C-alpha cells in the first residue's frame, strides 16, 4: 500500500521500520517539529524524524493540520492509508477522510480502557494485570474508533513503564503489518461503552513519593513513572529518583529505612532496586549505596 506515516517519539519508530520492511511505499512521514531540548536548548528532531531521514523518506513537520494548504498537501499524497502512532496532533476530519482506506492508529492499551495520552503509565499505576495494543480505525472522538486487531501482554510484578513501552512498541509494529495484510477481511469491532477510562497526561506533581501510602500503591507509582518523569524522594536534602522496586515484607514508621534500600510504607514495605541521584546516571541500589549514606528516615 501507499502509506502516510504519522508519529513522533521512539515508540513509533519500530512501526515505521516494519512498514517499510514489509514492502509498503511510505509516501511521506509526518512528525512534530524540532523543539529546543537539553542544556543548550538547541532544536532537537524527533526520534521518528531521525529514523525517517536515515531511511531516505520525505519528512514533513507542520505545526498544525488545520489550514487549507496543509490539508491539501496531505490529500495530494494520494495515500491508501495513514498509520498514526503517538503523533501528537489532532487530525481534522478532512485529513481523516483523505486516505482511500482511512487512518489507522496503534494505541498502547486494551481499548476502551485507557484512552488518551498516557496509557502505559496509567495501566502500571492502576495495578492492571494486563495491557496490550489495539489497531483502531480513527474517527473524530478521542480513541473511540472501532478496533481491528488486538494483542495482549501480561504486566509482571516488576515491570516498569519503560519495560512495557519497549514491548508494546514491538507488538504494535507486528500488529500494524498484520492488520494491513488483512485489511478489509478483519472485522471492525465497535468499542463497548462499558469500561471506558481515560489516561490523563502524567503531571510532575504526581512524582513525589508519600511514604504514608500503602506499599502496593508506592510500588506501582515507582514502576509506573519509570523512567520518566521518575518517582522521587528526598535523601539528605537532595532528590533521588526511584526507578525500580518490588514489594517485600517489613513494617515501621513510614519512610523508615529498614535495611539496605528497603523502606517502610503506611502498610508494608518496598525494596528499591534502581535509582538515579541528581547529576548521576541510573544505577542499581547496591551500587548507589556504596557512595551514599542513607539516613534512618527518608522522604
C-alpha atoms as a PDB file:
ATOM      1  CA  UNK A   1       0.000   0.000   0.000  1.00  0.00           C
ATOM      2  CA  UNK A   2       0.900   3.644  -0.340  1.00  0.00           C
ATOM      3  CA  UNK A   3       1.118   4.890   3.258  1.00  0.00           C
ATOM      4  CA  UNK A   4       1.455   8.192   5.058  1.00  0.00           C
ATOM      5  CA  UNK A   5       3.124   7.565   8.422  1.00  0.00           C
ATOM      6  CA  UNK A   6       2.445   9.933  11.314  1.00  0.00           C
ATOM      7  CA  UNK A   7       4.389   9.582  14.571  1.00  0.00           C
ATOM      8  CA  UNK A   8       6.863  11.344  16.818  1.00  0.00           C
ATOM      9  CA  UNK A   9       8.542   9.519  19.764  1.00  0.00           C
ATOM     10  CA  UNK A  10      10.778   6.462  19.916  1.00  0.00           C
ATOM     11  CA  UNK A  11       7.676   4.316  20.485  1.00  0.00           C
ATOM     12  CA  UNK A  12       6.644   4.963  16.868  1.00  0.00           C
ATOM     13  CA  UNK A  13       9.930   4.051  15.171  1.00  0.00           C
ATOM     14  CA  UNK A  14       9.608   0.223  15.055  1.00  0.00           C
ATOM     15  CA  UNK A  15       6.271   0.536  13.256  1.00  0.00           C
ATOM     16  CA  UNK A  16       7.763   2.831  10.619  1.00  0.00           C
ATOM     17  CA  UNK A  17      10.632   0.421  10.002  1.00  0.00           C
ATOM     18  CA  UNK A  18       8.299  -2.592   9.922  1.00  0.00           C
ATOM     19  CA  UNK A  19       6.055  -0.985   7.301  1.00  0.00           C
ATOM     20  CA  UNK A  20       8.964  -0.267   5.008  1.00  0.00           C
ATOM     21  CA  UNK A  21      10.412  -3.756   5.560  1.00  0.00           C
ATOM     22  CA  UNK A  22       7.031  -5.266   4.639  1.00  0.00           C
ATOM     23  CA  UNK A  23       7.275  -3.615   1.225  1.00  0.00           C
ATOM     24  CA  UNK A  24       4.799  -0.784   1.664  1.00  0.00           C
ATOM     25  CA  UNK A  25       5.502   2.535  -0.032  1.00  0.00           C
ATOM     26  CA  UNK A  26       5.946   5.333   2.511  1.00  0.00           C
ATOM     27  CA  UNK A  27       4.726   8.407   0.644  1.00  0.00           C
ATOM     28  CA  UNK A  28       5.703  10.806   3.464  1.00  0.00           C
ATOM     29  CA  UNK A  29       6.369  10.868   7.185  1.00  0.00           C
ATOM     30  CA  UNK A  30       4.648  13.442   9.391  1.00  0.00           C
ATOM     31  CA  UNK A  31       6.148  14.229  12.787  1.00  0.00           C
ATOM     32  CA  UNK A  32       6.312  17.005  15.368  1.00  0.00           C
ATOM     33  CA  UNK A  33       8.637  19.926  14.529  1.00  0.00           C
ATOM     34  CA  UNK A  34      12.141  20.117  16.051  1.00  0.00           C
ATOM     35  CA  UNK A  35      11.968  21.647  19.516  1.00  0.00           C
ATOM     36  CA  UNK A  36      14.519  23.080  21.974  1.00  0.00           C
ATOM     37  CA  UNK A  37      15.920  20.381  24.250  1.00  0.00           C
ATOM     38  CA  UNK A  38      18.866  19.695  26.516  1.00  0.00           C
ATOM     39  CA  UNK A  39      21.000  22.162  28.434  1.00  0.00           C
ATOM     40  CA  UNK A  40      21.821  24.187  25.349  1.00  0.00           C
ATOM     41  CA  UNK A  41      18.160  24.367  24.303  1.00  0.00           C
ATOM     42  CA  UNK A  42      19.103  23.562  20.720  1.00  0.00           C
ATOM     43  CA  UNK A  43      16.393  22.356  18.379  1.00  0.00           C
ATOM     44  CA  UNK A  44      16.208  18.570  18.501  1.00  0.00           C
ATOM     45  CA  UNK A  45      14.483  16.465  15.850  1.00  0.00           C
ATOM     46  CA  UNK A  46      12.033  13.783  16.939  1.00  0.00           C
ATOM     47  CA  UNK A  47      13.006  10.112  17.020  1.00  0.00           C
ATOM     48  CA  UNK A  48      10.741   9.482  14.020  1.00  0.00           C
ATOM     49  CA  UNK A  49      12.317  12.386  12.115  1.00  0.00           C
ATOM     50  CA  UNK A  50      15.790  10.934  12.694  1.00  0.00           C
ATOM     51  CA  UNK A  51      14.729   7.432  11.673  1.00  0.00           C
ATOM     52  CA  UNK A  52      12.838   8.572   8.570  1.00  0.00           C
ATOM     53  CA  UNK A  53      15.744  10.730   7.438  1.00  0.00           C
ATOM     54  CA  UNK A  54      18.107   7.764   7.787  1.00  0.00           C
ATOM     55  CA  UNK A  55      15.664   5.677   5.735  1.00  0.00           C
ATOM     56  CA  UNK A  56      15.630   8.261   2.936  1.00  0.00           C
ATOM     57  CA  UNK A  57      11.977   9.199   3.425  1.00  0.00           C
ATOM     58  CA  UNK A  58      10.341  12.580   2.946  1.00  0.00           C
ATOM     59  CA  UNK A  59       9.671  14.207   6.331  1.00  0.00           C
ATOM     60  CA  UNK A  60       7.065  16.879   6.997  1.00  0.00           C
ATOM     61  CA  UNK A  61       6.624  18.626  10.340  1.00  0.00           C
ATOM     62  CA  UNK A  62       3.779  21.158  10.225  1.00  0.00           C
ATOM     63  CA  UNK A  63       2.788  22.841  13.463  1.00  0.00           C
ATOM     64  CA  UNK A  64      -0.873  22.247  12.607  1.00  0.00           C
ATOM     65  CA  UNK A  65      -3.016  20.412  10.077  1.00  0.00           C
ATOM     66  CA  UNK A  66      -5.944  22.821  10.304  1.00  0.00           C
ATOM     67  CA  UNK A  67      -5.017  25.115   7.415  1.00  0.00           C
ATOM     68  CA  UNK A  68      -6.337  24.575   3.902  1.00  0.00           C
ATOM     69  CA  UNK A  69      -2.805  24.354   2.482  1.00  0.00           C
ATOM     70  CA  UNK A  70      -1.776  21.638   4.955  1.00  0.00           C
ATOM     71  CA  UNK A  71      -4.943  19.656   4.308  1.00  0.00           C
ATOM     72  CA  UNK A  72      -4.426  19.971   0.575  1.00  0.00           C
ATOM     73  CA  UNK A  73      -0.787  18.877   0.755  1.00  0.00           C
ATOM     74  CA  UNK A  74      -1.815  15.805   2.737  1.00  0.00           C
ATOM     75  CA  UNK A  75      -4.587  14.867   0.288  1.00  0.00           C
ATOM     76  CA  UNK A  76      -2.248  15.278  -2.694  1.00  0.00           C
ATOM     77  CA  UNK A  77      -0.115  12.403  -1.418  1.00  0.00           C
ATOM     78  CA  UNK A  78      -2.823  10.035  -2.664  1.00  0.00           C
ATOM     79  CA  UNK A  79      -2.379   7.588   0.222  1.00  0.00           C
ATOM     80  CA  UNK A  80      -4.212   4.294   0.520  1.00  0.00           C
ATOM     81  CA  UNK A  81      -3.987   4.537   4.301  1.00  0.00           C
ATOM     82  CA  UNK A  82      -2.425   6.660   7.041  1.00  0.00           C
ATOM     83  CA  UNK A  83      -0.793   4.933  10.005  1.00  0.00           C
ATOM     84  CA  UNK A  84      -0.740   7.063  13.159  1.00  0.00           C
ATOM     85  CA  UNK A  85       1.394   6.219  16.203  1.00  0.00           C
ATOM     86  CA  UNK A  86       1.705   8.782  19.019  1.00  0.00           C
ATOM     87  CA  UNK A  87       1.803  11.643  16.530  1.00  0.00           C
ATOM     88  CA  UNK A  88       0.768  14.433  18.880  1.00  0.00           C
ATOM     89  CA  UNK A  89      -1.557  16.493  16.679  1.00  0.00           C
ATOM     90  CA  UNK A  90      -5.332  16.210  16.319  1.00  0.00           C
ATOM     91  CA  UNK A  91      -6.289  15.156  12.797  1.00  0.00           C
ATOM     92  CA  UNK A  92      -9.091  17.253  11.247  1.00  0.00           C
ATOM     93  CA  UNK A  93     -11.921  15.382   9.557  1.00  0.00           C
ATOM     94  CA  UNK A  94     -10.562  16.319   6.109  1.00  0.00           C
ATOM     95  CA  UNK A  95      -7.296  14.548   6.955  1.00  0.00           C
ATOM     96  CA  UNK A  96      -9.103  11.523   8.393  1.00  0.00           C
ATOM     97  CA  UNK A  97     -11.119  11.263   5.179  1.00  0.00           C
ATOM     98  CA  UNK A  98      -8.252  11.776   2.717  1.00  0.00           C
ATOM     99  CA  UNK A  99      -6.628   8.287   2.546  1.00  0.00           C
ATOM    100  CA  UNK A 100      -8.592   5.905   0.366  1.00  0.00           C
ATOM    101  CA  UNK A 101      -8.870   3.298   3.142  1.00  0.00           C
ATOM    102  CA  UNK A 102      -8.836   5.631   6.111  1.00  0.00           C
ATOM    103  CA  UNK A 103      -6.491   6.263   9.044  1.00  0.00           C
ATOM    104  CA  UNK A 104      -5.354   3.527  11.412  1.00  0.00           C
ATOM    105  CA  UNK A 105      -3.949   4.170  14.875  1.00  0.00           C
ATOM    106  CA  UNK A 106      -1.686   1.996  17.029  1.00  0.00           C
ATOM    107  CA  UNK A 107      -2.836   2.566  20.617  1.00  0.00           C
ATOM    108  CA  UNK A 108      -0.951   1.121  23.611  1.00  0.00           C
ATOM    109  CA  UNK A 109      -3.846  -0.183  25.690  1.00  0.00           C
ATOM    110  CA  UNK A 110      -6.714  -2.630  25.569  1.00  0.00           C
ATOM    111  CA  UNK A 111      -9.408  -0.199  24.459  1.00  0.00           C
ATOM    112  CA  UNK A 112     -11.753   1.144  25.708  1.00  0.00           C
ATOM    113  CA  UNK A 113      -9.567   1.096  28.834  1.00  0.00           C
ATOM    114  CA  UNK A 114      -7.023   3.923  28.922  1.00  0.00           C
ATOM    115  CA  UNK A 115      -7.977   6.116  26.019  1.00  0.00           C
ATOM    116  CA  UNK A 116      -5.792   9.207  25.879  1.00  0.00           C
ATOM    117  CA  UNK A 117      -2.258  10.432  26.373  1.00  0.00           C
ATOM    118  CA  UNK A 118      -0.518   8.132  28.886  1.00  0.00           C
ATOM    119  CA  UNK A 119      -1.996   4.627  28.653  1.00  0.00           C
ATOM    120  CA  UNK A 120       1.172   2.735  29.626  1.00  0.00           C
ATOM    121  CA  UNK A 121       1.872   4.838  32.721  1.00  0.00           C
ATOM    122  CA  UNK A 122      -1.730   4.606  33.865  1.00  0.00           C
ATOM    123  CA  UNK A 123      -2.010   0.848  33.402  1.00  0.00           C
ATOM    124  CA  UNK A 124       1.015   0.249  35.653  1.00  0.00           C
ATOM    125  CA  UNK A 125      -0.026   2.848  38.232  1.00  0.00           C
ATOM    126  CA  UNK A 126      -3.521   1.356  38.434  1.00  0.00           C
ATOM    127  CA  UNK A 127      -2.171  -2.147  39.021  1.00  0.00           C
ATOM    128  CA  UNK A 128      -3.630  -3.629  35.831  1.00  0.00           C
ATOM    129  CA  UNK A 129      -2.735  -7.274  35.292  1.00  0.00           C
ATOM    130  CA  UNK A 130      -2.756  -6.952  31.507  1.00  0.00           C
ATOM    131  CA  UNK A 131      -2.314  -4.412  28.760  1.00  0.00           C
ATOM    132  CA  UNK A 132      -1.687  -4.563  25.044  1.00  0.00           C
ATOM    133  CA  UNK A 133      -2.013  -2.791  21.717  1.00  0.00           C
ATOM    134  CA  UNK A 134      -5.043  -2.111  19.549  1.00  0.00           C
ATOM    135  CA  UNK A 135      -5.141  -1.256  15.882  1.00  0.00           C
ATOM    136  CA  UNK A 136      -8.070   1.143  15.649  1.00  0.00           C
ATOM    137  CA  UNK A 137      -9.786   2.907  12.779  1.00  0.00           C
ATOM    138  CA  UNK A 138      -9.609   6.588  13.627  1.00  0.00           C
ATOM    139  CA  UNK A 139     -12.631   8.845  13.899  1.00  0.00           C
ATOM    140  CA  UNK A 140     -13.254  12.294  15.354  1.00  0.00           C
ATOM    141  CA  UNK A 141     -13.519  11.172  19.008  1.00  0.00           C
ATOM    142  CA  UNK A 142     -10.555  10.564  21.326  1.00  0.00           C
ATOM    143  CA  UNK A 143      -9.529   6.931  20.687  1.00  0.00           C
ATOM    144  CA  UNK A 144     -13.166   5.966  20.143  1.00  0.00           C
ATOM    145  CA  UNK A 145     -12.987   4.187  16.776  1.00  0.00           C
ATOM    146  CA  UNK A 146     -13.645   0.509  16.070  1.00  0.00           C
ATOM    147  CA  UNK A 147     -10.859  -1.962  16.868  1.00  0.00           C
ATOM    148  CA  UNK A 148      -9.486  -4.036  14.001  1.00  0.00           C
ATOM    149  CA  UNK A 149      -6.809  -6.049  15.802  1.00  0.00           C
ATOM    150  CA  UNK A 150      -5.934  -6.532  19.474  1.00  0.00           C
ATOM    151  CA  UNK A 151      -2.840  -8.077  21.081  1.00  0.00           C
ATOM    152  CA  UNK A 152      -2.424  -8.610  24.835  1.00  0.00           C
ATOM    153  CA  UNK A 153       0.531  -8.933  27.220  1.00  0.00           C
ATOM    154  CA  UNK A 154       0.796  -9.526  30.974  1.00  0.00           C
ATOM    155  CA  UNK A 155       2.105  -6.792  33.261  1.00  0.00           C
ATOM    156  CA  UNK A 156       4.644  -8.507  35.514  1.00  0.00           C
ATOM    157  CA  UNK A 157       5.063  -7.625  39.205  1.00  0.00           C
ATOM    158  CA  UNK A 158       8.332  -5.770  38.496  1.00  0.00           C
ATOM    159  CA  UNK A 159       7.524  -4.340  35.045  1.00  0.00           C
ATOM    160  CA  UNK A 160       8.097  -0.614  34.629  1.00  0.00           C
ATOM    161  CA  UNK A 161       6.528   1.716  32.098  1.00  0.00           C
ATOM    162  CA  UNK A 162       9.875   1.611  30.270  1.00  0.00           C
ATOM    163  CA  UNK A 163       9.744  -2.190  30.038  1.00  0.00           C
ATOM    164  CA  UNK A 164       6.208  -2.145  28.682  1.00  0.00           C
ATOM    165  CA  UNK A 165       6.976   0.748  26.329  1.00  0.00           C
ATOM    166  CA  UNK A 166       9.573  -1.345  24.513  1.00  0.00           C
ATOM    167  CA  UNK A 167       7.443  -4.495  24.493  1.00  0.00           C
ATOM    168  CA  UNK A 168       4.309  -2.726  23.264  1.00  0.00           C
ATOM    169  CA  UNK A 169       6.232  -0.776  20.641  1.00  0.00           C
ATOM    170  CA  UNK A 170       7.439  -4.040  19.092  1.00  0.00           C
ATOM    171  CA  UNK A 171       3.976  -5.581  19.387  1.00  0.00           C
ATOM    172  CA  UNK A 172       2.455  -2.564  17.664  1.00  0.00           C
ATOM    173  CA  UNK A 173       4.867  -2.873  14.749  1.00  0.00           C
ATOM    174  CA  UNK A 174       3.910  -6.526  14.243  1.00  0.00           C
ATOM    175  CA  UNK A 175       0.210  -5.804  14.682  1.00  0.00           C
ATOM    176  CA  UNK A 176       0.004  -2.988  12.124  1.00  0.00           C
ATOM    177  CA  UNK A 177       1.705  -5.034   9.418  1.00  0.00           C
ATOM    178  CA  UNK A 178      -0.643  -7.953  10.158  1.00  0.00           C
ATOM    179  CA  UNK A 179      -3.675  -5.646  10.085  1.00  0.00           C
ATOM    180  CA  UNK A 180      -2.689  -4.122   6.736  1.00  0.00           C
ATOM    181  CA  UNK A 181      -2.163  -7.583   5.248  1.00  0.00           C
ATOM    182  CA  UNK A 182      -5.782  -8.443   6.116  1.00  0.00           C
ATOM    183  CA  UNK A 183      -7.415  -5.020   5.907  1.00  0.00           C
ATOM    184  CA  UNK A 184     -10.987  -5.475   4.741  1.00  0.00           C
ATOM    185  CA  UNK A 185     -11.102  -9.100   5.885  1.00  0.00           C
ATOM    186  CA  UNK A 186     -10.740  -8.398   9.603  1.00  0.00           C
ATOM    187  CA  UNK A 187     -13.907  -7.424  11.496  1.00  0.00           C
ATOM    188  CA  UNK A 188     -14.025  -3.858  12.802  1.00  0.00           C
ATOM    189  CA  UNK A 189     -15.484  -4.139  16.294  1.00  0.00           C
ATOM    190  CA  UNK A 190     -17.065  -1.061  17.899  1.00  0.00           C
ATOM    191  CA  UNK A 191     -15.734  -0.321  21.361  1.00  0.00           C
ATOM    192  CA  UNK A 192     -18.150  -1.095  24.204  1.00  0.00           C
ATOM    193  CA  UNK A 193     -19.474   1.805  26.236  1.00  0.00           C
ATOM    194  CA  UNK A 194     -18.770  -0.085  29.466  1.00  0.00           C
ATOM    195  CA  UNK A 195     -15.202   0.010  30.768  1.00  0.00           C
ATOM    196  CA  UNK A 196     -14.110   3.344  29.317  1.00  0.00           C
ATOM    197  CA  UNK A 197     -11.255   5.018  31.242  1.00  0.00           C
ATOM    198  CA  UNK A 198      -9.051   7.969  30.334  1.00  0.00           C
ATOM    199  CA  UNK A 199      -5.263   8.076  30.679  1.00  0.00           C
ATOM    200  CA  UNK A 200      -4.569  11.645  31.658  1.00  0.00           C
ATOM    201  CA  UNK A 201      -1.151  13.058  30.859  1.00  0.00           C
ATOM    202  CA  UNK A 202       1.263  12.465  33.740  1.00  0.00           C
ATOM    203  CA  UNK A 203       1.921  15.561  35.823  1.00  0.00           C
ATOM    204  CA  UNK A 204       5.280  16.006  37.528  1.00  0.00           C
ATOM    205  CA  UNK A 205       3.360  16.813  40.708  1.00  0.00           C
ATOM    206  CA  UNK A 206       2.471  13.101  40.880  1.00  0.00           C
ATOM    207  CA  UNK A 207       6.103  12.080  41.150  1.00  0.00           C
ATOM    208  CA  UNK A 208       6.982  12.730  44.810  1.00  0.00           C
ATOM    209  CA  UNK A 209       6.627   9.595  46.943  1.00  0.00           C
ATOM    210  CA  UNK A 210       4.400   9.847  50.009  1.00  0.00           C
ATOM    211  CA  UNK A 211       5.672   7.050  52.236  1.00  0.00           C
ATOM    212  CA  UNK A 212       2.468   7.105  54.318  1.00  0.00           C
ATOM    213  CA  UNK A 213       0.642   5.433  51.439  1.00  0.00           C
ATOM    214  CA  UNK A 214       0.403   1.614  51.229  1.00  0.00           C
ATOM    215  CA  UNK A 215       3.446  -0.152  49.771  1.00  0.00           C
ATOM    216  CA  UNK A 216       1.395  -1.567  46.875  1.00  0.00           C
ATOM    217  CA  UNK A 217       0.492   1.951  45.715  1.00  0.00           C
ATOM    218  CA  UNK A 218       4.046   3.267  46.097  1.00  0.00           C
ATOM    219  CA  UNK A 219       5.479   0.309  44.183  1.00  0.00           C
ATOM    220  CA  UNK A 220       3.046   0.983  41.330  1.00  0.00           C
ATOM    221  CA  UNK A 221       3.921   4.686  41.397  1.00  0.00           C
ATOM    222  CA  UNK A 222       7.657   3.971  41.175  1.00  0.00           C
ATOM    223  CA  UNK A 223       7.304   1.465  38.357  1.00  0.00           C
ATOM    224  CA  UNK A 224       4.622   3.470  36.549  1.00  0.00           C
ATOM    225  CA  UNK A 225       6.690   6.663  36.458  1.00  0.00           C
ATOM    226  CA  UNK A 226       9.929   4.944  35.425  1.00  0.00           C
ATOM    227  CA  UNK A 227      11.929   6.108  33.571  1.00  0.00           C
ATOM    228  CA  UNK A 228      10.048   9.382  33.070  1.00  0.00           C
ATOM    229  CA  UNK A 229       9.319  11.581  34.915  1.00  0.00           C
ATOM    230  CA  UNK A 230      10.638   9.328  37.683  1.00  0.00           C
ATOM    231  CA  UNK A 231       9.134   8.994  41.142  1.00  0.00           C
ATOM    232  CA  UNK A 232      11.408  10.670  43.667  1.00  0.00           C
ATOM    233  CA  UNK A 233      12.121  11.030  47.353  1.00  0.00           C
ATOM    234  CA  UNK A 234      14.339  13.317  49.364  1.00  0.00           C
ATOM    235  CA  UNK A 235      17.547  11.867  50.794  1.00  0.00           C
ATOM    236  CA  UNK A 236      19.811  14.126  52.816  1.00  0.00           C
ATOM    237  CA  UNK A 237      18.375  17.269  51.271  1.00  0.00           C
ATOM    238  CA  UNK A 238      18.683  16.061  47.654  1.00  0.00           C
ATOM    239  CA  UNK A 239      16.290  14.346  45.277  1.00  0.00           C
ATOM    240  CA  UNK A 240      16.782  10.709  44.355  1.00  0.00           C
ATOM    241  CA  UNK A 241      14.711   9.191  41.555  1.00  0.00           C
ATOM    242  CA  UNK A 242      13.429   5.685  42.271  1.00  0.00           C
ATOM    243  CA  UNK A 243      13.393   3.672  39.046  1.00  0.00           C
ATOM    244  CA  UNK A 244      12.663   0.082  40.058  1.00  0.00           C
ATOM    245  CA  UNK A 245      11.121  -1.511  43.124  1.00  0.00           C
ATOM    246  CA  UNK A 246       9.377  -4.578  44.466  1.00  0.00           C
ATOM    247  CA  UNK A 247       7.093  -5.400  47.347  1.00  0.00           C
ATOM    248  CA  UNK A 248       8.748  -7.036  50.358  1.00  0.00           C
ATOM    249  CA  UNK A 249       7.819  -7.964  53.918  1.00  0.00           C
ATOM    250  CA  UNK A 250       8.540  -5.310  56.515  1.00  0.00           C
ATOM    251  CA  UNK A 251       6.960  -2.662  58.695  1.00  0.00           C
ATOM    252  CA  UNK A 252       7.894   0.512  60.525  1.00  0.00           C
ATOM    253  CA  UNK A 253       7.288   4.224  60.548  1.00  0.00           C
ATOM    254  CA  UNK A 254       6.572   5.480  57.006  1.00  0.00           C
ATOM    255  CA  UNK A 255       9.853   6.420  55.348  1.00  0.00           C
ATOM    256  CA  UNK A 256      11.986   4.455  57.795  1.00  0.00           C
ATOM    257  CA  UNK A 257      14.919   2.659  56.157  1.00  0.00           C
ATOM    258  CA  UNK A 258      14.673  -0.929  57.363  1.00  0.00           C
ATOM    259  CA  UNK A 259      17.790  -2.368  55.717  1.00  0.00           C
ATOM    260  CA  UNK A 260      19.750  -1.681  52.547  1.00  0.00           C
ATOM    261  CA  UNK A 261      17.300   0.317  50.453  1.00  0.00           C
ATOM    262  CA  UNK A 262      14.140  -1.254  51.884  1.00  0.00           C
ATOM    263  CA  UNK A 263      11.727   1.432  53.090  1.00  0.00           C
ATOM    264  CA  UNK A 264       8.685   1.133  55.336  1.00  0.00           C
ATOM    265  CA  UNK A 265       5.392   2.469  53.990  1.00  0.00           C
ATOM    266  CA  UNK A 266       1.996   3.189  55.530  1.00  0.00           C
ATOM    267  CA  UNK A 267       1.292  -0.507  55.061  1.00  0.00           C
ATOM    268  CA  UNK A 268       4.125  -2.929  54.222  1.00  0.00           C
ATOM    269  CA  UNK A 269       7.447  -2.042  52.631  1.00  0.00           C
ATOM    270  CA  UNK A 270       9.165  -1.693  49.266  1.00  0.00           C
ATOM    271  CA  UNK A 271      12.693  -2.583  48.265  1.00  0.00           C
ATOM    272  CA  UNK A 272      14.244  -0.046  45.913  1.00  0.00           C
ATOM    273  CA  UNK A 273      16.214  -1.794  43.169  1.00  0.00           C
ATOM    274  CA  UNK A 274      17.404   1.030  40.872  1.00  0.00           C
ATOM    275  CA  UNK A 275      17.881   4.740  41.498  1.00  0.00           C
ATOM    276  CA  UNK A 276      19.226   7.890  39.919  1.00  0.00           C
ATOM    277  CA  UNK A 277      20.879  10.548  42.064  1.00  0.00           C
ATOM    278  CA  UNK A 278      20.941  14.183  40.975  1.00  0.00           C
ATOM    279  CA  UNK A 279      23.547  14.664  38.252  1.00  0.00           C
ATOM    280  CA  UNK A 280      24.312  10.928  38.118  1.00  0.00           C
ATOM    281  CA  UNK A 281      23.450   8.094  35.773  1.00  0.00           C
ATOM    282  CA  UNK A 282      20.879   5.433  36.700  1.00  0.00           C
ATOM    283  CA  UNK A 283      22.410   2.679  38.827  1.00  0.00           C
ATOM    284  CA  UNK A 284      21.472  -0.266  40.993  1.00  0.00           C
ATOM    285  CA  UNK A 285      20.585   0.494  44.585  1.00  0.00           C
ATOM    286  CA  UNK A 286      23.561  -1.597  45.727  1.00  0.00           C
ATOM    287  CA  UNK A 287      25.919   0.490  43.623  1.00  0.00           C
ATOM    288  CA  UNK A 288      24.361   3.744  44.818  1.00  0.00           C
ATOM    289  CA  UNK A 289      24.686   2.778  48.466  1.00  0.00           C
ATOM    290  CA  UNK A 290      28.464   2.478  48.124  1.00  0.00           C
ATOM    291  CA  UNK A 291      28.631   6.247  47.733  1.00  0.00           C
ATOM    292  CA  UNK A 292      25.571   7.348  49.672  1.00  0.00           C
ATOM    293  CA  UNK A 293      24.741   7.089  53.375  1.00  0.00           C
ATOM    294  CA  UNK A 294      21.020   6.670  53.856  1.00  0.00           C
ATOM    295  CA  UNK A 295      19.614   8.361  56.944  1.00  0.00           C
ATOM    296  CA  UNK A 296      17.287   6.419  59.232  1.00  0.00           C
ATOM    297  CA  UNK A 297      14.291   8.084  57.535  1.00  0.00           C
ATOM    298  CA  UNK A 298      13.861   9.423  54.005  1.00  0.00           C
ATOM    299  CA  UNK A 299      11.187  11.414  52.258  1.00  0.00           C
END
